[in-house]
């Protein structure tokens, strides 16, 4: 996709999120379903599902959070919705759900931190949301769990060492198997 198409994706996703949060969408739709549909359309339209996944995911996450925040929505609930929607959308186009989990959690944690949210709590919500979505679509739950934890730590680490340490602590206490994944990363 070209840069112009990507910025269009952010804008259209943002507008869709604003409409859903404000309840002004023409069709009643959940944010999770809207994100999933957006990912499917963007990835199918690109023709190269694998080559466009990361940039598509980043743009969808960015647009969704911008829209939710503009409309006064709940950023923590949006975390669960956007992560679940991305993973479900990627699964629908037979994309790599494990890589998608890494990418969406990374983008969500980084975006949440830049928006002033509690990075560790965003990370926990994003990882648990990715596990739930993978379970729902019948994906590789163990692979998604590991990838999501790694994405959360990378995203938090790009914000600050303090954010990364807080994220490690929250993930170890909140996600079964997180300690083993974190220890293996050292």
C-alpha atoms as a PDB file:
ATOM      1  CA  UNK A   1       0.000   0.000   0.000  1.00  0.00           C
ATOM      2  CA  UNK A   2       1.101   3.505  -0.624  1.00  0.00           C
ATOM      3  CA  UNK A   3       1.551   6.078   2.105  1.00  0.00           C
ATOM      4  CA  UNK A   4      -1.578   7.849   0.879  1.00  0.00           C
ATOM      5  CA  UNK A   5      -3.633   4.699   1.244  1.00  0.00           C
ATOM      6  CA  UNK A   6      -2.244   4.148   4.729  1.00  0.00           C
ATOM      7  CA  UNK A   7      -3.134   7.637   5.928  1.00  0.00           C
ATOM      8  CA  UNK A   8      -6.591   7.085   4.420  1.00  0.00           C
ATOM      9  CA  UNK A   9      -6.856   3.899   6.473  1.00  0.00           C
ATOM     10  CA  UNK A  10      -6.044   5.779   9.690  1.00  0.00           C
ATOM     11  CA  UNK A  11      -8.628   8.448   8.851  1.00  0.00           C
ATOM     12  CA  UNK A  12     -11.380   6.055   7.872  1.00  0.00           C
ATOM     13  CA  UNK A  13     -10.771   3.851  10.911  1.00  0.00           C
ATOM     14  CA  UNK A  14     -10.794   6.923  13.140  1.00  0.00           C
ATOM     15  CA  UNK A  15     -14.116   8.108  11.677  1.00  0.00           C
ATOM     16  CA  UNK A  16     -15.619   4.654  12.094  1.00  0.00           C
ATOM     17  CA  UNK A  17     -14.500   4.482  15.747  1.00  0.00           C
ATOM     18  CA  UNK A  18     -15.924   7.933  16.470  1.00  0.00           C
ATOM     19  CA  UNK A  19     -19.262   6.875  14.961  1.00  0.00           C
ATOM     20  CA  UNK A  20     -19.405   3.682  16.986  1.00  0.00           C
ATOM     21  CA  UNK A  21     -18.444   5.319  20.291  1.00  0.00           C
ATOM     22  CA  UNK A  22     -20.935   8.140  19.780  1.00  0.00           C
ATOM     23  CA  UNK A  23     -23.572   5.692  18.577  1.00  0.00           C
ATOM     24  CA  UNK A  24     -23.994   7.475  15.259  1.00  0.00           C
ATOM     25  CA  UNK A  25     -23.003   4.615  12.964  1.00  0.00           C
ATOM     26  CA  UNK A  26     -25.526   3.826  10.248  1.00  0.00           C
ATOM     27  CA  UNK A  27     -25.437   0.184  11.287  1.00  0.00           C
ATOM     28  CA  UNK A  28     -25.112  -0.956  14.863  1.00  0.00           C
ATOM     29  CA  UNK A  29     -21.711  -2.590  15.049  1.00  0.00           C
ATOM     30  CA  UNK A  30     -19.282  -3.392  17.800  1.00  0.00           C
ATOM     31  CA  UNK A  31     -15.847  -1.841  17.735  1.00  0.00           C
ATOM     32  CA  UNK A  32     -14.344  -5.344  17.590  1.00  0.00           C
ATOM     33  CA  UNK A  33     -16.366  -6.192  14.470  1.00  0.00           C
ATOM     34  CA  UNK A  34     -15.551  -2.856  12.859  1.00  0.00           C
ATOM     35  CA  UNK A  35     -11.824  -3.347  13.426  1.00  0.00           C
ATOM     36  CA  UNK A  36     -12.007  -6.909  12.127  1.00  0.00           C
ATOM     37  CA  UNK A  37     -13.876  -5.838   8.973  1.00  0.00           C
ATOM     38  CA  UNK A  38     -11.420  -2.984   8.393  1.00  0.00           C
ATOM     39  CA  UNK A  39      -8.429  -5.317   8.664  1.00  0.00           C
ATOM     40  CA  UNK A  40     -10.020  -7.815   6.271  1.00  0.00           C
ATOM     41  CA  UNK A  41     -10.801  -5.156   3.658  1.00  0.00           C
ATOM     42  CA  UNK A  42      -7.386  -3.508   3.912  1.00  0.00           C
ATOM     43  CA  UNK A  43      -5.456  -6.747   3.706  1.00  0.00           C
ATOM     44  CA  UNK A  44      -7.543  -8.186   0.882  1.00  0.00           C
ATOM     45  CA  UNK A  45      -7.344  -4.911  -1.016  1.00  0.00           C
ATOM     46  CA  UNK A  46      -3.570  -4.913  -0.749  1.00  0.00           C
ATOM     47  CA  UNK A  47      -3.265  -8.273  -2.469  1.00  0.00           C
ATOM     48  CA  UNK A  48      -0.231  -9.193  -0.333  1.00  0.00           C
ATOM     49  CA  UNK A  49      -1.617 -10.273   3.032  1.00  0.00           C
ATOM     50  CA  UNK A  50       1.785 -11.000   4.552  1.00  0.00           C
ATOM     51  CA  UNK A  51       3.575  -7.911   3.243  1.00  0.00           C
ATOM     52  CA  UNK A  52       0.994  -5.414   4.443  1.00  0.00           C
ATOM     53  CA  UNK A  53      -0.006  -6.901   7.783  1.00  0.00           C
ATOM     54  CA  UNK A  54       2.248  -4.873  10.082  1.00  0.00           C
ATOM     55  CA  UNK A  55       1.548  -1.500   8.482  1.00  0.00           C
ATOM     56  CA  UNK A  56      -2.176  -2.268   8.247  1.00  0.00           C
ATOM     57  CA  UNK A  57      -2.306  -3.270  11.919  1.00  0.00           C
ATOM     58  CA  UNK A  58      -0.411  -0.146  13.015  1.00  0.00           C
ATOM     59  CA  UNK A  59      -2.715   2.131  11.014  1.00  0.00           C
ATOM     60  CA  UNK A  60      -5.879   0.428  12.268  1.00  0.00           C
ATOM     61  CA  UNK A  61      -4.687   0.656  15.888  1.00  0.00           C
ATOM     62  CA  UNK A  62      -3.750   4.319  15.436  1.00  0.00           C
ATOM     63  CA  UNK A  63      -7.028   5.260  13.784  1.00  0.00           C
ATOM     64  CA  UNK A  64      -9.164   3.350  16.261  1.00  0.00           C
ATOM     65  CA  UNK A  65      -7.541   4.891  19.322  1.00  0.00           C
ATOM     66  CA  UNK A  66      -7.632   8.387  17.838  1.00  0.00           C
ATOM     67  CA  UNK A  67     -11.348   7.953  17.154  1.00  0.00           C
ATOM     68  CA  UNK A  68     -12.139   6.475  20.554  1.00  0.00           C
ATOM     69  CA  UNK A  69     -10.271   9.253  22.353  1.00  0.00           C
ATOM     70  CA  UNK A  70     -11.850  11.987  20.202  1.00  0.00           C
ATOM     71  CA  UNK A  71     -15.310  10.617  20.983  1.00  0.00           C
ATOM     72  CA  UNK A  72     -14.595  10.358  24.708  1.00  0.00           C
ATOM     73  CA  UNK A  73     -14.614   6.560  24.756  1.00  0.00           C
ATOM     74  CA  UNK A  74     -12.953   4.162  27.163  1.00  0.00           C
ATOM     75  CA  UNK A  75      -9.336   3.518  26.101  1.00  0.00           C
ATOM     76  CA  UNK A  76      -9.038   0.367  28.196  1.00  0.00           C
ATOM     77  CA  UNK A  77     -12.143  -1.185  26.639  1.00  0.00           C
ATOM     78  CA  UNK A  78     -10.902  -0.109  23.224  1.00  0.00           C
ATOM     79  CA  UNK A  79      -7.683  -2.023  23.895  1.00  0.00           C
ATOM     80  CA  UNK A  80      -9.574  -5.286  24.167  1.00  0.00           C
ATOM     81  CA  UNK A  81     -11.744  -4.454  21.153  1.00  0.00           C
ATOM     82  CA  UNK A  82      -8.917  -3.432  18.836  1.00  0.00           C
ATOM     83  CA  UNK A  83      -6.682  -6.384  19.717  1.00  0.00           C
ATOM     84  CA  UNK A  84      -9.531  -8.850  19.318  1.00  0.00           C
ATOM     85  CA  UNK A  85     -10.690  -7.245  16.083  1.00  0.00           C
ATOM     86  CA  UNK A  86      -7.246  -7.307  14.506  1.00  0.00           C
ATOM     87  CA  UNK A  87      -6.644 -10.943  15.365  1.00  0.00           C
ATOM     88  CA  UNK A  88     -10.082 -11.969  14.122  1.00  0.00           C
ATOM     89  CA  UNK A  89      -9.576  -9.994  10.901  1.00  0.00           C
ATOM     90  CA  UNK A  90      -6.173 -11.515  10.242  1.00  0.00           C
ATOM     91  CA  UNK A  91      -7.598 -14.999  10.872  1.00  0.00           C
ATOM     92  CA  UNK A  92     -10.401 -14.338   8.363  1.00  0.00           C
ATOM     93  CA  UNK A  93      -7.868 -13.692   5.580  1.00  0.00           C
ATOM     94  CA  UNK A  94      -5.750 -16.675   6.662  1.00  0.00           C
ATOM     95  CA  UNK A  95      -2.944 -14.431   7.817  1.00  0.00           C
ATOM     96  CA  UNK A  96      -0.360 -15.190  10.479  1.00  0.00           C
ATOM     97  CA  UNK A  97      -2.264 -14.739  13.738  1.00  0.00           C
ATOM     98  CA  UNK A  98       0.864 -15.173  15.879  1.00  0.00           C
ATOM     99  CA  UNK A  99       2.691 -12.341  14.119  1.00  0.00           C
ATOM    100  CA  UNK A 100      -0.476 -10.259  14.184  1.00  0.00           C
ATOM    101  CA  UNK A 101      -0.711 -10.725  17.956  1.00  0.00           C
ATOM    102  CA  UNK A 102       2.837  -9.444  18.370  1.00  0.00           C
ATOM    103  CA  UNK A 103       2.243  -6.467  16.085  1.00  0.00           C
ATOM    104  CA  UNK A 104      -1.126  -5.404  17.486  1.00  0.00           C
ATOM    105  CA  UNK A 105      -0.025  -5.688  21.115  1.00  0.00           C
ATOM    106  CA  UNK A 106       3.206  -3.795  20.358  1.00  0.00           C
ATOM    107  CA  UNK A 107       1.311  -0.987  18.596  1.00  0.00           C
ATOM    108  CA  UNK A 108      -1.395  -0.872  21.267  1.00  0.00           C
ATOM    109  CA  UNK A 109       1.034  -0.656  24.187  1.00  0.00           C
ATOM    110  CA  UNK A 110       3.163   1.964  22.466  1.00  0.00           C
ATOM    111  CA  UNK A 111       0.097   3.973  21.447  1.00  0.00           C
ATOM    112  CA  UNK A 112      -1.451   3.716  24.894  1.00  0.00           C
ATOM    113  CA  UNK A 113       1.726   4.980  26.490  1.00  0.00           C
ATOM    114  CA  UNK A 114       1.949   7.930  24.154  1.00  0.00           C
ATOM    115  CA  UNK A 115      -1.683   8.738  24.944  1.00  0.00           C
ATOM    116  CA  UNK A 116      -0.865   8.873  28.661  1.00  0.00           C
ATOM    117  CA  UNK A 117      -2.483   5.586  29.669  1.00  0.00           C
ATOM    118  CA  UNK A 118      -1.039   3.208  32.258  1.00  0.00           C
ATOM    119  CA  UNK A 119       1.274   1.218  29.978  1.00  0.00           C
ATOM    120  CA  UNK A 120       1.371  -1.891  32.161  1.00  0.00           C
ATOM    121  CA  UNK A 121      -2.431  -2.081  32.355  1.00  0.00           C
ATOM    122  CA  UNK A 122      -2.768  -1.533  28.603  1.00  0.00           C
ATOM    123  CA  UNK A 123      -0.244  -4.341  28.094  1.00  0.00           C
ATOM    124  CA  UNK A 124      -2.175  -6.699  30.353  1.00  0.00           C
ATOM    125  CA  UNK A 125      -5.462  -5.913  28.578  1.00  0.00           C
ATOM    126  CA  UNK A 126      -3.823  -6.305  25.164  1.00  0.00           C
ATOM    127  CA  UNK A 127      -2.202  -9.645  25.979  1.00  0.00           C
ATOM    128  CA  UNK A 128      -5.355 -11.100  27.569  1.00  0.00           C
ATOM    129  CA  UNK A 129      -7.402  -9.790  24.632  1.00  0.00           C
ATOM    130  CA  UNK A 130      -5.096 -11.440  22.118  1.00  0.00           C
ATOM    131  CA  UNK A 131      -5.267 -14.756  23.990  1.00  0.00           C
ATOM    132  CA  UNK A 132      -9.080 -14.601  24.087  1.00  0.00           C
ATOM    133  CA  UNK A 133      -9.286 -13.778  20.374  1.00  0.00           C
ATOM    134  CA  UNK A 134      -6.877 -16.565  19.433  1.00  0.00           C
ATOM    135  CA  UNK A 135      -8.907 -18.992  21.499  1.00  0.00           C
ATOM    136  CA  UNK A 136     -12.094 -17.830  19.759  1.00  0.00           C
ATOM    137  CA  UNK A 137     -10.712 -18.196  16.218  1.00  0.00           C
ATOM    138  CA  UNK A 138      -8.976 -21.484  16.989  1.00  0.00           C
ATOM    139  CA  UNK A 139      -5.476 -20.124  16.607  1.00  0.00           C
ATOM    140  CA  UNK A 140      -2.159 -21.121  18.151  1.00  0.00           C
ATOM    141  CA  UNK A 141      -2.901 -19.892  21.675  1.00  0.00           C
ATOM    142  CA  UNK A 142       0.560 -20.731  23.040  1.00  0.00           C
ATOM    143  CA  UNK A 143       2.253 -18.980  20.116  1.00  0.00           C
ATOM    144  CA  UNK A 144      -0.055 -15.976  20.405  1.00  0.00           C
ATOM    145  CA  UNK A 145       0.588 -15.752  24.147  1.00  0.00           C
ATOM    146  CA  UNK A 146       4.347 -15.720  23.646  1.00  0.00           C
ATOM    147  CA  UNK A 147       4.200 -13.264  20.735  1.00  0.00           C
ATOM    148  CA  UNK A 148       1.825 -10.945  22.595  1.00  0.00           C
ATOM    149  CA  UNK A 149       4.035 -10.880  25.691  1.00  0.00           C
ATOM    150  CA  UNK A 150       7.065 -10.090  23.547  1.00  0.00           C
ATOM    151  CA  UNK A 151       5.156  -7.365  21.702  1.00  0.00           C
ATOM    152  CA  UNK A 152       4.002  -5.835  24.984  1.00  0.00           C
ATOM    153  CA  UNK A 153       7.517  -5.713  26.378  1.00  0.00           C
ATOM    154  CA  UNK A 154       8.962  -4.279  23.173  1.00  0.00           C
ATOM    155  CA  UNK A 155       6.273  -1.593  23.022  1.00  0.00           C
ATOM    156  CA  UNK A 156       6.738  -0.700  26.687  1.00  0.00           C
ATOM    157  CA  UNK A 157      10.514  -0.687  26.251  1.00  0.00           C
ATOM    158  CA  UNK A 158      10.210   1.887  23.476  1.00  0.00           C
ATOM    159  CA  UNK A 159       8.473   4.171  25.974  1.00  0.00           C
ATOM    160  CA  UNK A 160      10.857   3.800  28.910  1.00  0.00           C
ATOM    161  CA  UNK A 161      12.723   1.303  31.054  1.00  0.00           C
ATOM    162  CA  UNK A 162      10.305   2.086  33.874  1.00  0.00           C
ATOM    163  CA  UNK A 163       7.329   1.232  31.648  1.00  0.00           C
ATOM    164  CA  UNK A 164       8.970  -2.012  30.589  1.00  0.00           C
ATOM    165  CA  UNK A 165       9.698  -3.051  34.182  1.00  0.00           C
ATOM    166  CA  UNK A 166       6.139  -2.264  35.278  1.00  0.00           C
ATOM    167  CA  UNK A 167       4.828  -4.233  32.297  1.00  0.00           C
ATOM    168  CA  UNK A 168       6.997  -7.235  33.196  1.00  0.00           C
ATOM    169  CA  UNK A 169       5.643  -7.178  36.757  1.00  0.00           C
ATOM    170  CA  UNK A 170       2.014  -6.964  35.656  1.00  0.00           C
ATOM    171  CA  UNK A 171       2.376  -9.669  33.011  1.00  0.00           C
ATOM    172  CA  UNK A 172       4.130 -12.084  35.378  1.00  0.00           C
ATOM    173  CA  UNK A 173       1.333 -11.746  37.929  1.00  0.00           C
ATOM    174  CA  UNK A 174      -1.522 -11.602  35.404  1.00  0.00           C
ATOM    175  CA  UNK A 175      -0.642 -14.038  32.597  1.00  0.00           C
ATOM    176  CA  UNK A 176       0.060 -17.730  33.103  1.00  0.00           C
ATOM    177  CA  UNK A 177       3.416 -18.573  31.557  1.00  0.00           C
ATOM    178  CA  UNK A 178       4.610 -14.969  31.226  1.00  0.00           C
ATOM    179  CA  UNK A 179       7.558 -15.455  33.570  1.00  0.00           C
ATOM    180  CA  UNK A 180       8.896 -18.287  31.425  1.00  0.00           C
ATOM    181  CA  UNK A 181       8.547 -16.240  28.226  1.00  0.00           C
ATOM    182  CA  UNK A 182      10.248 -13.228  29.824  1.00  0.00           C
ATOM    183  CA  UNK A 183      13.057 -15.368  31.259  1.00  0.00           C
ATOM    184  CA  UNK A 184      13.648 -16.927  27.817  1.00  0.00           C
ATOM    185  CA  UNK A 185      14.005 -13.439  26.288  1.00  0.00           C
ATOM    186  CA  UNK A 186      17.030 -12.627  28.473  1.00  0.00           C
END
